[in-house]
Amino acid sequence: MKSILPLTLLLLVVAFENCASNKETIRTGVSKINTGSHLAQIEAIDADLKSPALSDESRDKLIIKKGKLLLDLGRYEETIVTLNQVNQAKANPVQLSEWNLAMGKAYIGKNEYSKAIQFLNQSEKLDKNTNLMERKKLVVQSLVAEREYYPALATLTKTYTKGNQKKDEFYYETAAKTYLKMGFEYKNTGFYQKGLQVANLGLEEFPNNETLKSIQKECLEVLQPEGKL
């Protein structure tokens, strides 16, 4: 792989910083919420938690539910404080897996990706059947955010290969975007070529994907002046 010419690199810095090098928001599964409904549910849970007749299992279920509602509202620190009230010693594996997943999402919300990865991996160890793809995608996104590009690509590839999972828009977007970031960070056209290749393959499957079109354009802006095409 050859390095990028200084002039070409300089011309791309401003555009790239407005796109791929910026901090990105990792999608944790919630798009729209009813704030009023969530707040009402939290209030009802708080009232239920005051009941002296509540079993430990029921209490933990309510706490996890409350934590997930706070998570949806973007109140990440409150989510962590709330979830830490769960008695982990008495919780069953599936419940603990759900707890770890919620904790992982909360730390993603706080941009503390290394902690998030620990909780997400622990969630998978406890329950390999539920929320598998969601966890894997969050781990991959967290690794990219931590600039752990090679582990991110390895995890992405393994996730889709091992489970015979059809490559979707997430796969193509994440792989192409990761190569784009690697090209910029390592000043290497070879990664831009890989990013372009993945983006082109993705656009064959999803021709209207705007993210892939943008990555394709970014890669071409580097490779065409370099005479790599």
C-alpha atoms as a PDB file:
ATOM      1  CA  MET A   1       0.000   0.000   0.000  1.00  0.00           C
ATOM      2  CA  LYS A   2       1.232   3.486  -0.879  1.00  0.00           C
ATOM      3  CA  SER A   3       0.914   6.647   1.151  1.00  0.00           C
ATOM      4  CA  ILE A   4      -1.191   9.613   0.081  1.00  0.00           C
ATOM      5  CA  LEU A   5       0.465  12.608  -1.538  1.00  0.00           C
ATOM      6  CA  PRO A   6       0.661  15.545   0.919  1.00  0.00           C
ATOM      7  CA  LEU A   7      -1.295  17.934  -1.350  1.00  0.00           C
ATOM      8  CA  THR A   8      -4.166  15.488  -1.840  1.00  0.00           C
ATOM      9  CA  LEU A   9      -4.260  14.788   1.874  1.00  0.00           C
ATOM     10  CA  LEU A  10      -4.341  18.490   2.704  1.00  0.00           C
ATOM     11  CA  LEU A  11      -7.258  19.123   0.359  1.00  0.00           C
ATOM     12  CA  LEU A  12      -9.268  16.354   2.014  1.00  0.00           C
ATOM     13  CA  VAL A  13      -8.718  17.221   5.665  1.00  0.00           C
ATOM     14  CA  VAL A  14     -11.523  19.762   6.001  1.00  0.00           C
ATOM     15  CA  ALA A  15     -14.101  17.652   4.172  1.00  0.00           C
ATOM     16  CA  PHE A  16     -13.179  14.500   6.017  1.00  0.00           C
ATOM     17  CA  GLU A  17     -13.283  16.143   9.429  1.00  0.00           C
ATOM     18  CA  ASN A  18     -16.839  17.201   8.683  1.00  0.00           C
ATOM     19  CA  CYS A  19     -17.730  13.568   7.968  1.00  0.00           C
ATOM     20  CA  ALA A  20     -15.859  10.440   9.005  1.00  0.00           C
ATOM     21  CA  SER A  21     -13.490  11.779  11.662  1.00  0.00           C
ATOM     22  CA  ASN A  22     -16.181  13.414  13.769  1.00  0.00           C
ATOM     23  CA  LYS A  23     -17.595  11.750  16.863  1.00  0.00           C
ATOM     24  CA  GLU A  24     -20.512   9.617  15.798  1.00  0.00           C
ATOM     25  CA  THR A  25     -23.673   8.738  17.604  1.00  0.00           C
ATOM     26  CA  ILE A  26     -23.970   4.987  18.007  1.00  0.00           C
ATOM     27  CA  ARG A  27     -27.460   3.725  17.390  1.00  0.00           C
ATOM     28  CA  THR A  28     -28.748   1.770  20.380  1.00  0.00           C
ATOM     29  CA  GLY A  29     -32.090   0.734  18.918  1.00  0.00           C
ATOM     30  CA  VAL A  30     -34.468   3.521  19.976  1.00  0.00           C
ATOM     31  CA  SER A  31     -35.580   6.102  17.416  1.00  0.00           C
ATOM     32  CA  LYS A  32     -38.705   7.796  18.769  1.00  0.00           C
ATOM     33  CA  ILE A  33     -40.067   7.698  22.294  1.00  0.00           C
ATOM     34  CA  ASN A  34     -43.075   9.076  24.086  1.00  0.00           C
ATOM     35  CA  THR A  35     -41.429  11.069  26.867  1.00  0.00           C
ATOM     36  CA  GLY A  36     -44.643  11.533  28.807  1.00  0.00           C
ATOM     37  CA  SER A  37     -45.411   7.831  28.711  1.00  0.00           C
ATOM     38  CA  HIS A  38     -41.891   6.930  29.821  1.00  0.00           C
ATOM     39  CA  LEU A  39     -42.019   9.343  32.760  1.00  0.00           C
ATOM     40  CA  ALA A  40     -45.423   8.012  33.802  1.00  0.00           C
ATOM     41  CA  GLN A  41     -44.101   4.435  33.705  1.00  0.00           C
ATOM     42  CA  ILE A  42     -41.073   5.402  35.800  1.00  0.00           C
ATOM     43  CA  GLU A  43     -43.362   7.038  38.366  1.00  0.00           C
ATOM     44  CA  ALA A  44     -45.516   3.910  38.520  1.00  0.00           C
ATOM     45  CA  ILE A  45     -42.439   1.688  38.947  1.00  0.00           C
ATOM     46  CA  ASP A  46     -41.162   3.885  41.791  1.00  0.00           C
ATOM     47  CA  ALA A  47     -44.517   3.443  43.517  1.00  0.00           C
ATOM     48  CA  ASP A  48     -44.448  -0.337  43.027  1.00  0.00           C
ATOM     49  CA  LEU A  49     -40.896  -0.568  44.387  1.00  0.00           C
ATOM     50  CA  LYS A  50     -42.127   0.781  47.734  1.00  0.00           C
ATOM     51  CA  SER A  51     -44.275  -2.313  48.280  1.00  0.00           C
ATOM     52  CA  PRO A  52     -42.901  -4.433  51.158  1.00  0.00           C
ATOM     53  CA  ALA A  53     -44.482  -7.553  49.636  1.00  0.00           C
ATOM     54  CA  LEU A  54     -42.358  -7.340  46.497  1.00  0.00           C
ATOM     55  CA  SER A  55     -40.132 -10.384  45.873  1.00  0.00           C
ATOM     56  CA  ASP A  56     -36.446  -9.942  45.016  1.00  0.00           C
ATOM     57  CA  GLU A  57     -37.034 -11.226  41.491  1.00  0.00           C
ATOM     58  CA  SER A  58     -39.960  -8.881  40.878  1.00  0.00           C
ATOM     59  CA  ARG A  59     -37.998  -5.988  42.342  1.00  0.00           C
ATOM     60  CA  ASP A  60     -35.045  -6.617  40.042  1.00  0.00           C
ATOM     61  CA  LYS A  61     -37.323  -6.873  37.002  1.00  0.00           C
ATOM     62  CA  LEU A  62     -38.848  -3.506  37.848  1.00  0.00           C
ATOM     63  CA  ILE A  63     -35.444  -1.915  38.371  1.00  0.00           C
ATOM     64  CA  ILE A  64     -34.202  -3.203  35.010  1.00  0.00           C
ATOM     65  CA  LYS A  65     -37.380  -1.937  33.346  1.00  0.00           C
ATOM     66  CA  LYS A  66     -36.883   1.471  34.963  1.00  0.00           C
ATOM     67  CA  GLY A  67     -33.251   1.511  33.863  1.00  0.00           C
ATOM     68  CA  LYS A  68     -34.242   0.796  30.263  1.00  0.00           C
ATOM     69  CA  LEU A  69     -36.823   3.595  30.333  1.00  0.00           C
ATOM     70  CA  LEU A  70     -34.196   6.035  31.625  1.00  0.00           C
ATOM     71  CA  LEU A  71     -31.862   4.775  28.908  1.00  0.00           C
ATOM     72  CA  ASP A  72     -34.451   5.575  26.239  1.00  0.00           C
ATOM     73  CA  LEU A  73     -34.680   9.096  27.666  1.00  0.00           C
ATOM     74  CA  GLY A  74     -30.920   9.556  27.338  1.00  0.00           C
ATOM     75  CA  ARG A  75     -30.410   9.823  31.101  1.00  0.00           C
ATOM     76  CA  TYR A  76     -27.359   7.610  31.100  1.00  0.00           C
ATOM     77  CA  GLU A  77     -25.905   8.339  34.520  1.00  0.00           C
ATOM     78  CA  GLU A  78     -29.298   7.761  36.157  1.00  0.00           C
ATOM     79  CA  THR A  79     -29.582   4.529  34.180  1.00  0.00           C
ATOM     80  CA  ILE A  80     -26.312   3.238  35.616  1.00  0.00           C
ATOM     81  CA  VAL A  81     -27.188   4.280  39.170  1.00  0.00           C
ATOM     82  CA  THR A  82     -30.601   2.618  38.863  1.00  0.00           C
ATOM     83  CA  LEU A  83     -29.308  -0.629  37.344  1.00  0.00           C
ATOM     84  CA  ASN A  84     -26.669  -0.939  40.046  1.00  0.00           C
ATOM     85  CA  GLN A  85     -29.515  -1.477  42.506  1.00  0.00           C
ATOM     86  CA  VAL A  86     -30.132  -4.925  41.022  1.00  0.00           C
ATOM     87  CA  ASN A  87     -29.060  -7.825  43.214  1.00  0.00           C
ATOM     88  CA  GLN A  88     -26.774  -9.541  40.717  1.00  0.00           C
ATOM     89  CA  ALA A  89     -26.124 -12.485  43.021  1.00  0.00           C
ATOM     90  CA  LYS A  90     -29.775 -13.543  42.870  1.00  0.00           C
ATOM     91  CA  ALA A  91     -30.597 -12.647  39.262  1.00  0.00           C
ATOM     92  CA  ASN A  92     -30.928 -15.421  36.676  1.00  0.00           C
ATOM     93  CA  PRO A  93     -28.562 -15.526  33.664  1.00  0.00           C
ATOM     94  CA  VAL A  94     -31.109 -14.193  31.163  1.00  0.00           C
ATOM     95  CA  GLN A  95     -31.973 -11.315  33.477  1.00  0.00           C
ATOM     96  CA  LEU A  96     -28.288 -10.581  34.058  1.00  0.00           C
ATOM     97  CA  SER A  97     -27.679 -10.644  30.316  1.00  0.00           C
ATOM     98  CA  GLU A  98     -30.391  -8.030  29.867  1.00  0.00           C
ATOM     99  CA  TRP A  99     -28.842  -6.010  32.706  1.00  0.00           C
ATOM    100  CA  ASN A 100     -25.393  -6.087  31.106  1.00  0.00           C
ATOM    101  CA  LEU A 101     -26.824  -5.075  27.727  1.00  0.00           C
ATOM    102  CA  ALA A 102     -28.562  -2.060  29.263  1.00  0.00           C
ATOM    103  CA  MET A 103     -25.377  -1.107  31.130  1.00  0.00           C
ATOM    104  CA  GLY A 104     -23.403  -1.382  27.894  1.00  0.00           C
ATOM    105  CA  LYS A 105     -25.832   0.931  26.120  1.00  0.00           C
ATOM    106  CA  ALA A 106     -25.661   3.434  28.972  1.00  0.00           C
ATOM    107  CA  TYR A 107     -21.870   3.588  28.776  1.00  0.00           C
ATOM    108  CA  ILE A 108     -22.107   4.004  25.004  1.00  0.00           C
ATOM    109  CA  GLY A 109     -24.354   6.970  25.700  1.00  0.00           C
ATOM    110  CA  LYS A 110     -21.602   8.383  27.912  1.00  0.00           C
ATOM    111  CA  ASN A 111     -18.993   7.742  25.174  1.00  0.00           C
ATOM    112  CA  GLU A 112     -17.185   5.311  27.492  1.00  0.00           C
ATOM    113  CA  TYR A 113     -16.792   2.624  24.882  1.00  0.00           C
ATOM    114  CA  SER A 114     -14.225   0.375  26.545  1.00  0.00           C
ATOM    115  CA  LYS A 115     -16.548  -0.075  29.542  1.00  0.00           C
ATOM    116  CA  ALA A 116     -19.477  -0.604  27.209  1.00  0.00           C
ATOM    117  CA  ILE A 117     -17.653  -3.415  25.403  1.00  0.00           C
ATOM    118  CA  GLN A 118     -17.012  -5.218  28.697  1.00  0.00           C
ATOM    119  CA  PHE A 119     -20.706  -5.207  29.594  1.00  0.00           C
ATOM    120  CA  LEU A 120     -21.805  -6.191  26.080  1.00  0.00           C
ATOM    121  CA  ASN A 121     -19.401  -9.127  26.002  1.00  0.00           C
ATOM    122  CA  GLN A 122     -20.578 -10.256  29.434  1.00  0.00           C
ATOM    123  CA  SER A 123     -24.174 -10.037  28.225  1.00  0.00           C
ATOM    124  CA  GLU A 124     -23.362 -12.428  25.402  1.00  0.00           C
ATOM    125  CA  LYS A 125     -21.625 -14.891  27.724  1.00  0.00           C
ATOM    126  CA  LEU A 126     -24.752 -15.104  29.867  1.00  0.00           C
ATOM    127  CA  ASP A 127     -27.222 -15.504  27.000  1.00  0.00           C
ATOM    128  CA  LYS A 128     -25.999 -16.244  23.483  1.00  0.00           C
ATOM    129  CA  ASN A 129     -29.470 -16.463  21.951  1.00  0.00           C
ATOM    130  CA  THR A 130     -31.220 -13.197  22.793  1.00  0.00           C
ATOM    131  CA  ASN A 131     -30.244  -9.835  21.249  1.00  0.00           C
ATOM    132  CA  LEU A 132     -27.194 -11.432  19.608  1.00  0.00           C
ATOM    133  CA  MET A 133     -26.986  -9.207  16.517  1.00  0.00           C
ATOM    134  CA  GLU A 134     -27.810  -6.079  18.493  1.00  0.00           C
ATOM    135  CA  ARG A 135     -24.942  -6.753  20.905  1.00  0.00           C
ATOM    136  CA  LYS A 136     -22.484  -7.584  18.140  1.00  0.00           C
ATOM    137  CA  LYS A 137     -23.319  -4.418  16.227  1.00  0.00           C
ATOM    138  CA  LEU A 138     -22.889  -2.299  19.349  1.00  0.00           C
ATOM    139  CA  VAL A 139     -19.521  -3.923  20.057  1.00  0.00           C
ATOM    140  CA  VAL A 140     -18.338  -3.268  16.504  1.00  0.00           C
ATOM    141  CA  GLN A 141     -19.453   0.364  16.643  1.00  0.00           C
ATOM    142  CA  SER A 142     -17.772   0.807  20.024  1.00  0.00           C
ATOM    143  CA  LEU A 143     -14.511  -0.657  18.721  1.00  0.00           C
ATOM    144  CA  VAL A 144     -14.584   1.749  15.783  1.00  0.00           C
ATOM    145  CA  ALA A 145     -15.239   4.652  18.156  1.00  0.00           C
ATOM    146  CA  GLU A 146     -12.202   3.510  20.177  1.00  0.00           C
ATOM    147  CA  ARG A 147     -10.195   3.438  16.912  1.00  0.00           C
ATOM    148  CA  GLU A 148      -9.688  -0.301  17.308  1.00  0.00           C
ATOM    149  CA  TYR A 149     -10.202  -0.783  13.598  1.00  0.00           C
ATOM    150  CA  TYR A 150      -8.719  -4.237  13.051  1.00  0.00           C
ATOM    151  CA  PRO A 151     -10.668  -5.842  15.950  1.00  0.00           C
ATOM    152  CA  ALA A 152     -13.795  -4.052  14.714  1.00  0.00           C
ATOM    153  CA  LEU A 153     -13.468  -5.483  11.204  1.00  0.00           C
ATOM    154  CA  ALA A 154     -12.624  -8.935  12.554  1.00  0.00           C
ATOM    155  CA  THR A 155     -15.689  -8.914  14.813  1.00  0.00           C
ATOM    156  CA  LEU A 156     -17.902  -7.622  11.998  1.00  0.00           C
ATOM    157  CA  THR A 157     -16.727 -10.312   9.584  1.00  0.00           C
ATOM    158  CA  LYS A 158     -17.031 -13.089  12.154  1.00  0.00           C
ATOM    159  CA  THR A 159     -20.526 -11.991  13.140  1.00  0.00           C
ATOM    160  CA  TYR A 160     -21.863 -12.225   9.608  1.00  0.00           C
ATOM    161  CA  THR A 161     -19.835 -15.279   8.526  1.00  0.00           C
ATOM    162  CA  LYS A 162     -20.277 -17.495  11.582  1.00  0.00           C
ATOM    163  CA  GLY A 163     -24.030 -17.037  11.775  1.00  0.00           C
ATOM    164  CA  ASN A 164     -24.586 -17.214   8.016  1.00  0.00           C
ATOM    165  CA  GLN A 165     -26.067 -13.756   8.378  1.00  0.00           C
ATOM    166  CA  LYS A 166     -26.978 -11.984   5.132  1.00  0.00           C
ATOM    167  CA  LYS A 167     -24.913  -8.829   4.742  1.00  0.00           C
ATOM    168  CA  ASP A 168     -27.197  -5.891   5.398  1.00  0.00           C
ATOM    169  CA  GLU A 169     -26.806  -2.129   5.191  1.00  0.00           C
ATOM    170  CA  PHE A 170     -25.148  -2.037   8.608  1.00  0.00           C
ATOM    171  CA  TYR A 171     -22.435  -4.417   7.433  1.00  0.00           C
ATOM    172  CA  TYR A 172     -21.574  -2.459   4.287  1.00  0.00           C
ATOM    173  CA  GLU A 173     -21.813   0.941   5.971  1.00  0.00           C
ATOM    174  CA  THR A 174     -19.657  -0.081   8.917  1.00  0.00           C
ATOM    175  CA  ALA A 175     -16.989  -1.891   6.894  1.00  0.00           C
ATOM    176  CA  ALA A 176     -16.713   0.885   4.304  1.00  0.00           C
ATOM    177  CA  LYS A 177     -16.675   3.618   6.936  1.00  0.00           C
ATOM    178  CA  THR A 178     -13.991   1.798   8.939  1.00  0.00           C
ATOM    179  CA  TYR A 179     -11.727   1.480   5.905  1.00  0.00           C
ATOM    180  CA  LEU A 180     -12.330   5.151   5.163  1.00  0.00           C
ATOM    181  CA  LYS A 181     -11.242   6.092   8.673  1.00  0.00           C
ATOM    182  CA  MET A 182      -8.189   3.835   8.416  1.00  0.00           C
ATOM    183  CA  GLY A 183      -7.206   5.438   5.115  1.00  0.00           C
ATOM    184  CA  PHE A 184      -7.343   8.883   6.645  1.00  0.00           C
ATOM    185  CA  GLU A 185      -5.651   7.952   9.912  1.00  0.00           C
ATOM    186  CA  TYR A 186      -2.871   5.831   8.406  1.00  0.00           C
ATOM    187  CA  LYS A 187      -2.454   8.067   5.317  1.00  0.00           C
ATOM    188  CA  ASN A 188      -2.779   5.019   3.101  1.00  0.00           C
ATOM    189  CA  THR A 189      -4.594   4.743  -0.235  1.00  0.00           C
ATOM    190  CA  GLY A 190      -4.949   0.979   0.080  1.00  0.00           C
ATOM    191  CA  PHE A 191      -7.598   1.428   2.765  1.00  0.00           C
ATOM    192  CA  TYR A 192      -9.474   3.922   0.598  1.00  0.00           C
ATOM    193  CA  GLN A 193      -9.468   1.327  -2.191  1.00  0.00           C
ATOM    194  CA  LYS A 194     -10.951  -1.254   0.181  1.00  0.00           C
ATOM    195  CA  GLY A 195     -13.506   1.269   1.407  1.00  0.00           C
ATOM    196  CA  LEU A 196     -14.518   2.047  -2.175  1.00  0.00           C
ATOM    197  CA  GLN A 197     -14.786  -1.655  -3.010  1.00  0.00           C
ATOM    198  CA  VAL A 198     -17.075  -2.318  -0.032  1.00  0.00           C
ATOM    199  CA  ALA A 199     -19.167   0.780  -0.742  1.00  0.00           C
ATOM    200  CA  ASN A 200     -19.612  -0.306  -4.374  1.00  0.00           C
ATOM    201  CA  LEU A 201     -20.681  -3.799  -3.319  1.00  0.00           C
ATOM    202  CA  GLY A 202     -23.112  -2.332  -0.820  1.00  0.00           C
ATOM    203  CA  LEU A 203     -24.614  -0.015  -3.418  1.00  0.00           C
ATOM    204  CA  GLU A 204     -25.262  -2.990  -5.693  1.00  0.00           C
ATOM    205  CA  GLU A 205     -27.512  -4.370  -2.942  1.00  0.00           C
ATOM    206  CA  PHE A 206     -28.798  -1.048  -1.592  1.00  0.00           C
ATOM    207  CA  PRO A 207     -28.579   1.528  -4.427  1.00  0.00           C
ATOM    208  CA  ASN A 208     -30.374   4.258  -2.472  1.00  0.00           C
ATOM    209  CA  ASN A 209     -28.147   4.141   0.600  1.00  0.00           C
ATOM    210  CA  GLU A 210     -26.945   7.720   1.151  1.00  0.00           C
ATOM    211  CA  THR A 211     -24.219   6.742   3.631  1.00  0.00           C
ATOM    212  CA  LEU A 212     -22.592   4.407   1.114  1.00  0.00           C
ATOM    213  CA  LYS A 213     -22.862   7.046  -1.613  1.00  0.00           C
ATOM    214  CA  SER A 214     -21.097   9.537   0.663  1.00  0.00           C
ATOM    215  CA  ILE A 215     -18.295   7.073   1.479  1.00  0.00           C
ATOM    216  CA  GLN A 216     -17.934   6.226  -2.199  1.00  0.00           C
ATOM    217  CA  LYS A 217     -17.536   9.932  -2.988  1.00  0.00           C
ATOM    218  CA  GLU A 218     -14.958  10.416  -0.190  1.00  0.00           C
ATOM    219  CA  CYS A 219     -12.860   7.517  -1.452  1.00  0.00           C
ATOM    220  CA  LEU A 220     -13.019   8.657  -5.066  1.00  0.00           C
ATOM    221  CA  GLU A 221     -11.877  12.145  -4.080  1.00  0.00           C
ATOM    222  CA  VAL A 222      -8.693  10.579  -2.726  1.00  0.00           C
ATOM    223  CA  LEU A 223      -8.070   7.910  -5.322  1.00  0.00           C
ATOM    224  CA  GLN A 224      -8.783   9.792  -8.575  1.00  0.00           C
ATOM    225  CA  PRO A 225      -6.230  12.608  -7.997  1.00  0.00           C
ATOM    226  CA  GLU A 226      -3.746   9.956  -6.886  1.00  0.00           C
ATOM    227  CA  GLY A 227      -4.207   8.087 -10.169  1.00  0.00           C
ATOM    228  CA  LYS A 228      -5.189   4.927  -8.287  1.00  0.00           C
ATOM    229  CA  LEU A 229      -8.208   4.241 -10.480  1.00  0.00           C
END
